Amino acid sequence: MAFQPLGKRVLIERVEEATTTASGIIIPDNAKEKPLNGKVIAVSKEVEEISVGDTVVFGKYAGSELSLDGKEYLVMEDKDILGVLR
């Protein structure tokens, strides 16, 4: 299923963080926070500064969760994106 964001919105897939610490301690799923960065999957035609494939950082409560084909995504406005990781 294809999803095309409207307005100044982007579709983001969260990047999963490591399940162990640097010292080797395993972090259980219920103790992990949701990652605050992700990969841009789709961009509306009105967004100019962000491209598909970029890894972006966003605020903790930014965006709306969306499930497509069994995968979890975030849809958010471009103004909620704090920056692009290069």
PDB file of N, CA and C in Angstrom:
ATOM      1  N   MET A   1       0.841  -1.174   0.000  1.00  0.00           N
ATOM      2  CA  MET A   1       0.000   0.000   0.000  1.00  0.00           C
ATOM      3  C   MET A   1       0.890   1.243   0.000  1.00  0.00           C
ATOM      4  N   ALA A   2       0.608   2.161  -0.874  1.00  0.00           N
ATOM      5  CA  ALA A   2       1.384   3.399  -0.953  1.00  0.00           C
ATOM      6  C   ALA A   2       0.685   4.487  -0.157  1.00  0.00           C
ATOM      7  N   PHE A   3       1.462   5.337   0.507  1.00  0.00           N
ATOM      8  CA  PHE A   3       0.927   6.437   1.288  1.00  0.00           C
ATOM      9  C   PHE A   3       1.611   7.716   0.847  1.00  0.00           C
ATOM     10  N   GLN A   4       0.831   8.707   0.444  1.00  0.00           N
ATOM     11  CA  GLN A   4       1.359  10.001   0.034  1.00  0.00           C
ATOM     12  C   GLN A   4       0.898  11.047   1.052  1.00  0.00           C
ATOM     13  N   PRO A   5       1.828  11.600   1.853  1.00  0.00           N
ATOM     14  CA  PRO A   5       1.440  12.636   2.811  1.00  0.00           C
ATOM     15  C   PRO A   5       0.931  13.886   2.097  1.00  0.00           C
ATOM     16  N   LEU A   6      -0.018  14.561   2.726  1.00  0.00           N
ATOM     17  CA  LEU A   6      -0.573  15.794   2.182  1.00  0.00           C
ATOM     18  C   LEU A   6      -0.112  16.976   3.032  1.00  0.00           C
ATOM     19  N   GLY A   7      -0.285  18.184   2.508  1.00  0.00           N
ATOM     20  CA  GLY A   7       0.151  19.372   3.228  1.00  0.00           C
ATOM     21  C   GLY A   7       1.666  19.373   3.352  1.00  0.00           C
ATOM     22  N   LYS A   8       2.162  19.821   4.496  1.00  0.00           N
ATOM     23  CA  LYS A   8       3.610  19.826   4.739  1.00  0.00           C
ATOM     24  C   LYS A   8       3.942  18.705   5.719  1.00  0.00           C
ATOM     25  N   ARG A   9       3.650  17.468   5.318  1.00  0.00           N
ATOM     26  CA  ARG A   9       3.847  16.308   6.191  1.00  0.00           C
ATOM     27  C   ARG A   9       4.808  15.307   5.577  1.00  0.00           C
ATOM     28  N   VAL A  10       5.389  14.496   6.467  1.00  0.00           N
ATOM     29  CA  VAL A  10       6.285  13.418   6.043  1.00  0.00           C
ATOM     30  C   VAL A  10       5.875  12.131   6.746  1.00  0.00           C
ATOM     31  N   LEU A  11       6.191  11.003   6.137  1.00  0.00           N
ATOM     32  CA  LEU A  11       5.966   9.679   6.712  1.00  0.00           C
ATOM     33  C   LEU A  11       7.312   9.155   7.179  1.00  0.00           C
ATOM     34  N   ILE A  12       7.393   8.763   8.458  1.00  0.00           N
ATOM     35  CA  ILE A  12       8.659   8.365   9.058  1.00  0.00           C
ATOM     36  C   ILE A  12       8.539   6.981   9.673  1.00  0.00           C
ATOM     37  N   GLU A  13       9.560   6.161   9.456  1.00  0.00           N
ATOM     38  CA  GLU A  13       9.677   4.863  10.126  1.00  0.00           C
ATOM     39  C   GLU A  13      10.719   5.020  11.220  1.00  0.00           C
ATOM     40  N   ARG A  14      10.327   4.733  12.457  1.00  0.00           N
ATOM     41  CA  ARG A  14      11.275   4.873  13.574  1.00  0.00           C
ATOM     42  C   ARG A  14      12.466   3.932  13.389  1.00  0.00           C
ATOM     43  N   VAL A  15      13.637   4.409  13.787  1.00  0.00           N
ATOM     44  CA  VAL A  15      14.852   3.598  13.762  1.00  0.00           C
ATOM     45  C   VAL A  15      14.959   2.927  15.126  1.00  0.00           C
ATOM     46  N   GLU A  16      14.979   1.613  15.135  1.00  0.00           N
ATOM     47  CA  GLU A  16      15.062   0.872  16.394  1.00  0.00           C
ATOM     48  C   GLU A  16      16.437   1.046  17.017  1.00  0.00           C
ATOM     49  N   GLU A  17      16.444   1.268  18.326  1.00  0.00           N
ATOM     50  CA  GLU A  17      17.696   1.435  19.042  1.00  0.00           C
ATOM     51  C   GLU A  17      18.194   0.089  19.549  1.00  0.00           C
ATOM     52  N   ALA A  18      19.446   0.050  19.965  1.00  0.00           N
ATOM     53  CA  ALA A  18      20.064  -1.177  20.442  1.00  0.00           C
ATOM     54  C   ALA A  18      19.335  -1.709  21.671  1.00  0.00           C
ATOM     55  N   THR A  19      19.330  -3.044  21.826  1.00  0.00           N
ATOM     56  CA  THR A  19      18.653  -3.659  22.967  1.00  0.00           C
ATOM     57  C   THR A  19      19.608  -3.947  24.112  1.00  0.00           C
ATOM     58  N   THR A  20      20.890  -3.594  23.935  1.00  0.00           N
ATOM     59  CA  THR A  20      21.862  -3.763  25.021  1.00  0.00           C
ATOM     60  C   THR A  20      22.644  -2.464  25.202  1.00  0.00           C
ATOM     61  N   THR A  21      23.123  -2.252  26.409  1.00  0.00           N
ATOM     62  CA  THR A  21      23.942  -1.071  26.678  1.00  0.00           C
ATOM     63  C   THR A  21      25.372  -1.349  26.245  1.00  0.00           C
ATOM     64  N   ALA A  22      26.226  -0.348  26.308  1.00  0.00           N
ATOM     65  CA  ALA A  22      27.631  -0.503  25.927  1.00  0.00           C
ATOM     66  C   ALA A  22      28.335  -1.523  26.815  1.00  0.00           C
ATOM     67  N   SER A  23      27.877  -1.666  28.053  1.00  0.00           N
ATOM     68  CA  SER A  23      28.501  -2.619  28.972  1.00  0.00           C
ATOM     69  C   SER A  23      27.901  -4.019  28.865  1.00  0.00           C
ATOM     70  N   GLY A  24      26.913  -4.211  27.961  1.00  0.00           N
ATOM     71  CA  GLY A  24      26.365  -5.537  27.723  1.00  0.00           C
ATOM     72  C   GLY A  24      25.086  -5.846  28.474  1.00  0.00           C
ATOM     73  N   ILE A  25      24.527  -4.883  29.180  1.00  0.00           N
ATOM     74  CA  ILE A  25      23.274  -5.111  29.898  1.00  0.00           C
ATOM     75  C   ILE A  25      22.121  -5.099  28.904  1.00  0.00           C
ATOM     76  N   ILE A  26      21.272  -6.112  28.966  1.00  0.00           N
ATOM     77  CA  ILE A  26      20.132  -6.213  28.063  1.00  0.00           C
ATOM     78  C   ILE A  26      18.986  -5.360  28.602  1.00  0.00           C
ATOM     79  N   ILE A  27      18.425  -4.526  27.737  1.00  0.00           N
ATOM     80  CA  ILE A  27      17.315  -3.654  28.111  1.00  0.00           C
ATOM     81  C   ILE A  27      16.017  -4.342  27.699  1.00  0.00           C
ATOM     82  N   PRO A  28      15.113  -4.639  28.657  1.00  0.00           N
ATOM     83  CA  PRO A  28      13.846  -5.282  28.291  1.00  0.00           C
ATOM     84  C   PRO A  28      12.956  -4.333  27.490  1.00  0.00           C
ATOM     85  N   ASP A  29      12.083  -4.902  26.655  1.00  0.00           N
ATOM     86  CA  ASP A  29      11.221  -4.097  25.794  1.00  0.00           C
ATOM     87  C   ASP A  29      10.367  -3.099  26.569  1.00  0.00           C
ATOM     88  N   ASN A  30       9.877  -3.485  27.748  1.00  0.00           N
ATOM     89  CA  ASN A  30       8.997  -2.590  28.494  1.00  0.00           C
ATOM     90  C   ASN A  30       9.753  -1.435  29.155  1.00  0.00           C
ATOM     91  N   ALA A  31      11.073  -1.462  29.176  1.00  0.00           N
ATOM     92  CA  ALA A  31      11.867  -0.383  29.772  1.00  0.00           C
ATOM     93  C   ALA A  31      12.432   0.569  28.720  1.00  0.00           C
ATOM     94  N   LYS A  32      12.305   0.199  27.449  1.00  0.00           N
ATOM     95  CA  LYS A  32      12.848   1.038  26.381  1.00  0.00           C
ATOM     96  C   LYS A  32      11.875   2.159  26.036  1.00  0.00           C
ATOM     97  N   GLU A  33      12.418   3.330  25.753  1.00  0.00           N
ATOM     98  CA  GLU A  33      11.613   4.429  25.236  1.00  0.00           C
ATOM     99  C   GLU A  33      11.605   4.346  23.726  1.00  0.00           C
ATOM    100  N   LYS A  34      10.560   4.893  23.120  1.00  0.00           N
ATOM    101  CA  LYS A  34      10.497   4.907  21.666  1.00  0.00           C
ATOM    102  C   LYS A  34      11.592   5.821  21.139  1.00  0.00           C
ATOM    103  N   PRO A  35      12.261   5.428  20.069  1.00  0.00           N
ATOM    104  CA  PRO A  35      13.333   6.259  19.514  1.00  0.00           C
ATOM    105  C   PRO A  35      12.810   7.601  19.010  1.00  0.00           C
ATOM    106  N   LEU A  36      13.672   8.601  19.081  1.00  0.00           N
ATOM    107  CA  LEU A  36      13.311   9.950  18.652  1.00  0.00           C
ATOM    108  C   LEU A  36      13.942  10.295  17.309  1.00  0.00           C
ATOM    109  N   ASN A  37      14.280   9.261  16.553  1.00  0.00           N
ATOM    110  CA  ASN A  37      14.768   9.496  15.200  1.00  0.00           C
ATOM    111  C   ASN A  37      14.211   8.415  14.283  1.00  0.00           C
ATOM    112  N   GLY A  38      14.232   8.699  13.001  1.00  0.00           N
ATOM    113  CA  GLY A  38      13.682   7.749  12.051  1.00  0.00           C
ATOM    114  C   GLY A  38      14.068   8.080  10.630  1.00  0.00           C
ATOM    115  N   LYS A  39      13.714   7.161   9.747  1.00  0.00           N
ATOM    116  CA  LYS A  39      14.020   7.299   8.326  1.00  0.00           C
ATOM    117  C   LYS A  39      12.778   7.799   7.599  1.00  0.00           C
ATOM    118  N   VAL A  40      12.961   8.794   6.755  1.00  0.00           N
ATOM    119  CA  VAL A  40      11.859   9.358   5.989  1.00  0.00           C
ATOM    120  C   VAL A  40      11.502   8.396   4.855  1.00  0.00           C
ATOM    121  N   ILE A  41      10.224   7.992   4.825  1.00  0.00           N
ATOM    122  CA  ILE A  41       9.740   7.035   3.828  1.00  0.00           C
ATOM    123  C   ILE A  41       9.023   7.742   2.681  1.00  0.00           C
ATOM    124  N   ALA A  42       8.269   8.795   3.001  1.00  0.00           N
ATOM    125  CA  ALA A  42       7.542   9.555   1.971  1.00  0.00           C
ATOM    126  C   ALA A  42       7.463  11.017   2.396  1.00  0.00           C
ATOM    127  N   VAL A  43       7.434  11.909   1.401  1.00  0.00           N
ATOM    128  CA  VAL A  43       7.398  13.351   1.643  1.00  0.00           C
ATOM    129  C   VAL A  43       6.336  13.961   0.732  1.00  0.00           C
ATOM    130  N   SER A  44       5.554  14.904   1.275  1.00  0.00           N
ATOM    131  CA  SER A  44       4.577  15.581   0.419  1.00  0.00           C
ATOM    132  C   SER A  44       5.306  16.513  -0.550  1.00  0.00           C
ATOM    133  N   LYS A  45       4.599  16.934  -1.570  1.00  0.00           N
ATOM    134  CA  LYS A  45       5.194  17.803  -2.589  1.00  0.00           C
ATOM    135  C   LYS A  45       5.524  19.189  -2.053  1.00  0.00           C
ATOM    136  N   GLU A  46       4.915  19.588  -0.934  1.00  0.00           N
ATOM    137  CA  GLU A  46       5.126  20.922  -0.373  1.00  0.00           C
ATOM    138  C   GLU A  46       6.369  21.018   0.511  1.00  0.00           C
ATOM    139  N   VAL A  47       6.971  19.879   0.881  1.00  0.00           N
ATOM    140  CA  VAL A  47       8.148  19.877   1.756  1.00  0.00           C
ATOM    141  C   VAL A  47       9.393  19.968   0.892  1.00  0.00           C
ATOM    142  N   GLU A  48      10.270  20.942   1.203  1.00  0.00           N
ATOM    143  CA  GLU A  48      11.447  21.181   0.368  1.00  0.00           C
ATOM    144  C   GLU A  48      12.764  20.779   1.025  1.00  0.00           C
ATOM    145  N   GLU A  49      12.862  20.872   2.345  1.00  0.00           N
ATOM    146  CA  GLU A  49      14.150  20.677   3.018  1.00  0.00           C
ATOM    147  C   GLU A  49      14.448  19.225   3.374  1.00  0.00           C
ATOM    148  N   ILE A  50      13.468  18.347   3.277  1.00  0.00           N
ATOM    149  CA  ILE A  50      13.625  16.953   3.698  1.00  0.00           C
ATOM    150  C   ILE A  50      13.353  16.061   2.505  1.00  0.00           C
ATOM    151  N   SER A  51      14.167  14.994   2.360  1.00  0.00           N
ATOM    152  CA  SER A  51      14.022  14.077   1.231  1.00  0.00           C
ATOM    153  C   SER A  51      13.798  12.654   1.727  1.00  0.00           C
ATOM    154  N   VAL A  52      13.220  11.836   0.874  1.00  0.00           N
ATOM    155  CA  VAL A  52      13.060  10.414   1.176  1.00  0.00           C
ATOM    156  C   VAL A  52      14.442   9.814   1.405  1.00  0.00           C
ATOM    157  N   GLY A  53      14.587   9.029   2.465  1.00  0.00           N
ATOM    158  CA  GLY A  53      15.861   8.409   2.785  1.00  0.00           C
ATOM    159  C   GLY A  53      16.638   9.132   3.870  1.00  0.00           C
ATOM    160  N   ASP A  54      16.292  10.397   4.148  1.00  0.00           N
ATOM    161  CA  ASP A  54      16.962  11.137   5.217  1.00  0.00           C
ATOM    162  C   ASP A  54      16.644  10.502   6.573  1.00  0.00           C
ATOM    163  N   THR A  55      17.594  10.576   7.495  1.00  0.00           N
ATOM    164  CA  THR A  55      17.356  10.195   8.885  1.00  0.00           C
ATOM    165  C   THR A  55      17.164  11.480   9.664  1.00  0.00           C
ATOM    166  N   VAL A  56      16.012  11.588  10.323  1.00  0.00           N
ATOM    167  CA  VAL A  56      15.651  12.832  10.998  1.00  0.00           C
ATOM    168  C   VAL A  56      15.458  12.612  12.497  1.00  0.00           C
ATOM    169  N   VAL A  57      15.554  13.704  13.248  1.00  0.00           N
ATOM    170  CA  VAL A  57      15.318  13.714  14.684  1.00  0.00           C
ATOM    171  C   VAL A  57      14.064  14.538  14.931  1.00  0.00           C
ATOM    172  N   PHE A  58      13.197  14.041  15.821  1.00  0.00           N
ATOM    173  CA  PHE A  58      11.946  14.741  16.092  1.00  0.00           C
ATOM    174  C   PHE A  58      11.653  14.717  17.586  1.00  0.00           C
ATOM    175  N   GLY A  59      10.698  15.534  18.004  1.00  0.00           N
ATOM    176  CA  GLY A  59      10.325  15.646  19.403  1.00  0.00           C
ATOM    177  C   GLY A  59       9.621  14.402  19.923  1.00  0.00           C
ATOM    178  N   LYS A  60       9.630  14.237  21.236  1.00  0.00           N
ATOM    179  CA  LYS A  60       9.084  13.049  21.890  1.00  0.00           C
ATOM    180  C   LYS A  60       7.605  12.827  21.592  1.00  0.00           C
ATOM    181  N   TYR A  61       6.840  13.892  21.512  1.00  0.00           N
ATOM    182  CA  TYR A  61       5.397  13.759  21.310  1.00  0.00           C
ATOM    183  C   TYR A  61       4.950  14.197  19.921  1.00  0.00           C
ATOM    184  N   ALA A  62       5.857  14.256  18.982  1.00  0.00           N
ATOM    185  CA  ALA A  62       5.541  14.718  17.627  1.00  0.00           C
ATOM    186  C   ALA A  62       4.873  13.617  16.812  1.00  0.00           C
ATOM    187  N   GLY A  63       4.002  14.015  15.925  1.00  0.00           N
ATOM    188  CA  GLY A  63       3.422  13.113  14.954  1.00  0.00           C
ATOM    189  C   GLY A  63       2.266  12.268  15.448  1.00  0.00           C
ATOM    190  N   SER A  64       1.650  11.599  14.487  1.00  0.00           N
ATOM    191  CA  SER A  64       0.550  10.672  14.742  1.00  0.00           C
ATOM    192  C   SER A  64       0.973   9.294  14.269  1.00  0.00           C
ATOM    193  N   GLU A  65       0.713   8.283  15.093  1.00  0.00           N
ATOM    194  CA  GLU A  65       1.090   6.923  14.731  1.00  0.00           C
ATOM    195  C   GLU A  65       0.132   6.374  13.687  1.00  0.00           C
ATOM    196  N   LEU A  66       0.697   5.577  12.776  1.00  0.00           N
ATOM    197  CA  LEU A  66      -0.058   5.011  11.671  1.00  0.00           C
ATOM    198  C   LEU A  66       0.467   3.612  11.400  1.00  0.00           C
ATOM    199  N   SER A  67      -0.419   2.672  11.164  1.00  0.00           N
ATOM    200  CA  SER A  67      -0.025   1.303  10.852  1.00  0.00           C
ATOM    201  C   SER A  67      -0.380   1.009   9.398  1.00  0.00           C
ATOM    202  N   LEU A  68       0.625   0.617   8.612  1.00  0.00           N
ATOM    203  CA  LEU A  68       0.439   0.262   7.207  1.00  0.00           C
ATOM    204  C   LEU A  68       1.105  -1.075   6.946  1.00  0.00           C
ATOM    205  N   ASP A  69       0.360  -2.021   6.426  1.00  0.00           N
ATOM    206  CA  ASP A  69       0.897  -3.343   6.085  1.00  0.00           C
ATOM    207  C   ASP A  69       1.635  -3.980   7.259  1.00  0.00           C
ATOM    208  N   GLY A  70       1.128  -3.787   8.471  1.00  0.00           N
ATOM    209  CA  GLY A  70       1.723  -4.398   9.659  1.00  0.00           C
ATOM    210  C   GLY A  70       2.942  -3.686  10.214  1.00  0.00           C
ATOM    211  N   LYS A  71       3.324  -2.560   9.655  1.00  0.00           N
ATOM    212  CA  LYS A  71       4.467  -1.785  10.149  1.00  0.00           C
ATOM    213  C   LYS A  71       3.967  -0.483  10.761  1.00  0.00           C
ATOM    214  N   GLU A  72       4.676  -0.021  11.777  1.00  0.00           N
ATOM    215  CA  GLU A  72       4.310   1.211  12.459  1.00  0.00           C
ATOM    216  C   GLU A  72       5.101   2.400  11.889  1.00  0.00           C
ATOM    217  N   TYR A  73       4.405   3.486  11.629  1.00  0.00           N
ATOM    218  CA  TYR A  73       5.000   4.697  11.090  1.00  0.00           C
ATOM    219  C   TYR A  73       4.497   5.910  11.880  1.00  0.00           C
ATOM    220  N   LEU A  74       5.132   7.041  11.641  1.00  0.00           N
ATOM    221  CA  LEU A  74       4.680   8.327  12.166  1.00  0.00           C
ATOM    222  C   LEU A  74       4.420   9.252  10.991  1.00  0.00           C
ATOM    223  N   VAL A  75       3.331  10.008  11.066  1.00  0.00           N
ATOM    224  CA  VAL A  75       3.060  11.063  10.102  1.00  0.00           C
ATOM    225  C   VAL A  75       3.164  12.363  10.879  1.00  0.00           C
ATOM    226  N   MET A  76       4.012  13.275  10.422  1.00  0.00           N
ATOM    227  CA  MET A  76       4.167  14.543  11.138  1.00  0.00           C
ATOM    228  C   MET A  76       4.432  15.679  10.168  1.00  0.00           C
ATOM    229  N   GLU A  77       4.159  16.875  10.659  1.00  0.00           N
ATOM    230  CA  GLU A  77       4.440  18.065   9.864  1.00  0.00           C
ATOM    231  C   GLU A  77       5.937  18.328   9.865  1.00  0.00           C
ATOM    232  N   ASP A  78       6.415  18.936   8.808  1.00  0.00           N
ATOM    233  CA  ASP A  78       7.849  19.195   8.686  1.00  0.00           C
ATOM    234  C   ASP A  78       8.364  20.094   9.808  1.00  0.00           C
ATOM    235  N   LYS A  79       7.518  20.965  10.354  1.00  0.00           N
ATOM    236  CA  LYS A  79       7.954  21.853  11.429  1.00  0.00           C
ATOM    237  C   LYS A  79       8.236  21.105  12.739  1.00  0.00           C
ATOM    238  N   ASP A  80       7.730  19.859  12.873  1.00  0.00           N
ATOM    239  CA  ASP A  80       7.980  19.057  14.066  1.00  0.00           C
ATOM    240  C   ASP A  80       9.313  18.316  14.007  1.00  0.00           C
ATOM    241  N   ILE A  81       9.973  18.356  12.848  1.00  0.00           N
ATOM    242  CA  ILE A  81      11.264  17.705  12.682  1.00  0.00           C
ATOM    243  C   ILE A  81      12.347  18.690  13.143  1.00  0.00           C
ATOM    244  N   LEU A  82      13.186  18.232  14.072  1.00  0.00           N
ATOM    245  CA  LEU A  82      14.210  19.108  14.655  1.00  0.00           C
ATOM    246  C   LEU A  82      15.447  19.229  13.783  1.00  0.00           C
ATOM    247  N   GLY A  83      15.764  18.192  13.024  1.00  0.00           N
ATOM    248  CA  GLY A  83      16.950  18.249  12.177  1.00  0.00           C
ATOM    249  C   GLY A  83      17.167  16.959  11.417  1.00  0.00           C
ATOM    250  N   VAL A  84      18.121  16.995  10.507  1.00  0.00           N
ATOM    251  CA  VAL A  84      18.494  15.843   9.685  1.00  0.00           C
ATOM    252  C   VAL A  84      19.872  15.365  10.123  1.00  0.00           C
ATOM    253  N   LEU A  85      20.024  14.055  10.336  1.00  0.00           N
ATOM    254  CA  LEU A  85      21.318  13.471  10.686  1.00  0.00           C
ATOM    255  C   LEU A  85      22.078  13.195   9.387  1.00  0.00           C
ATOM    256  N   ARG A  86      23.302  13.661   9.303  1.00  0.00           N
ATOM    257  CA  ARG A  86      24.119  13.454   8.097  1.00  0.00           C
ATOM    258  C   ARG A  86      25.297  12.578   8.412  1.00  0.00           C
TER     259      ARG A  86
END
